[in-house]
Structures are given as structure tokens and as C-alpha cells.
């Protein structure tokens, strides 16, 4: 019984860590995308 409770606790802990990592990765991807858009806009202005 105690082993199942400990296993369930660690499973929830690992699952919540994975969800947090996904959100962090998404945030980094959005930041990189915004940086790429800024560079693209600057290059377009430089060509004009």
C-alpha cells in the first residue's frame, strides 16, 4: 500500500515536471520566433 502511494507521488511529480518543461520550451520557441521576426523586419527596412 505504501509502495503504491510513493509510486503515485513520484508519478505525479514527474508528470508535472514534464508539463512545466513543455511550457518552458514553448516560451523559448515564441521568443526565438519574435527575434526572427525582428531581424526579418530590419532586413526588409535595410533593403528599401
C-alpha atoms as a PDB file:
ATOM      1  CA  UNK A   1       0.000   0.000   0.000  1.00  0.00           C
ATOM      2  CA  UNK A   2       2.755   2.445   0.924  1.00  0.00           C
ATOM      3  CA  UNK A   3       4.764   1.470  -2.166  1.00  0.00           C
ATOM      4  CA  UNK A   4       1.770   2.326  -4.378  1.00  0.00           C
ATOM      5  CA  UNK A   5       1.368   5.704  -2.668  1.00  0.00           C
ATOM      6  CA  UNK A   6       5.048   6.502  -3.132  1.00  0.00           C
ATOM      7  CA  UNK A   7       4.911   5.401  -6.765  1.00  0.00           C
ATOM      8  CA  UNK A   8       1.827   7.546  -7.358  1.00  0.00           C
ATOM      9  CA  UNK A   9       3.511  10.555  -5.732  1.00  0.00           C
ATOM     10  CA  UNK A  10       6.615  10.243  -7.887  1.00  0.00           C
ATOM     11  CA  UNK A  11       4.484   9.690 -10.993  1.00  0.00           C
ATOM     12  CA  UNK A  12       2.623  12.941 -10.340  1.00  0.00           C
ATOM     13  CA  UNK A  13       5.912  14.704  -9.654  1.00  0.00           C
ATOM     14  CA  UNK A  14       7.448  13.514 -12.931  1.00  0.00           C
ATOM     15  CA  UNK A  15       4.278  14.291 -14.901  1.00  0.00           C
ATOM     16  CA  UNK A  16       4.086  17.839 -13.535  1.00  0.00           C
ATOM     17  CA  UNK A  17       7.770  18.369 -14.332  1.00  0.00           C
ATOM     18  CA  UNK A  18       7.174  17.289 -17.916  1.00  0.00           C
ATOM     19  CA  UNK A  19       4.268  19.704 -18.282  1.00  0.00           C
ATOM     20  CA  UNK A  20       6.376  22.546 -16.916  1.00  0.00           C
ATOM     21  CA  UNK A  21       9.175  21.690 -19.351  1.00  0.00           C
ATOM     22  CA  UNK A  22       6.739  21.785 -22.274  1.00  0.00           C
ATOM     23  CA  UNK A  23       5.528  25.243 -21.303  1.00  0.00           C
ATOM     24  CA  UNK A  24       9.087  26.468 -20.903  1.00  0.00           C
ATOM     25  CA  UNK A  25      10.062  25.075 -24.303  1.00  0.00           C
ATOM     26  CA  UNK A  26       7.044  26.739 -25.909  1.00  0.00           C
ATOM     27  CA  UNK A  27       8.034  30.068 -24.350  1.00  0.00           C
ATOM     28  CA  UNK A  28      11.573  29.791 -25.673  1.00  0.00           C
ATOM     29  CA  UNK A  29      10.234  28.972 -29.140  1.00  0.00           C
ATOM     30  CA  UNK A  30       7.995  32.034 -29.084  1.00  0.00           C
ATOM     31  CA  UNK A  31      10.917  34.235 -28.008  1.00  0.00           C
ATOM     32  CA  UNK A  32      13.079  32.908 -30.835  1.00  0.00           C
ATOM     33  CA  UNK A  33      10.250  33.450 -33.315  1.00  0.00           C
ATOM     34  CA  UNK A  34       9.827  37.071 -32.188  1.00  0.00           C
ATOM     35  CA  UNK A  35      13.583  37.614 -32.538  1.00  0.00           C
ATOM     36  CA  UNK A  36      13.496  36.189 -36.065  1.00  0.00           C
ATOM     37  CA  UNK A  37      10.614  38.488 -36.979  1.00  0.00           C
ATOM     38  CA  UNK A  38      12.551  41.494 -35.697  1.00  0.00           C
ATOM     39  CA  UNK A  39      15.607  40.525 -37.759  1.00  0.00           C
ATOM     40  CA  UNK A  40      13.450  39.956 -40.834  1.00  0.00           C
ATOM     41  CA  UNK A  41      11.797  43.366 -40.391  1.00  0.00           C
ATOM     42  CA  UNK A  42      15.175  45.069 -40.013  1.00  0.00           C
ATOM     43  CA  UNK A  43      16.472  43.371 -43.170  1.00  0.00           C
ATOM     44  CA  UNK A  44      13.411  44.469 -45.131  1.00  0.00           C
ATOM     45  CA  UNK A  45      13.862  48.080 -43.983  1.00  0.00           C
ATOM     46  CA  UNK A  46      17.569  47.954 -44.917  1.00  0.00           C
ATOM     47  CA  UNK A  47      16.719  46.823 -48.474  1.00  0.00           C
ATOM     48  CA  UNK A  48      14.375  49.771 -49.016  1.00  0.00           C
END
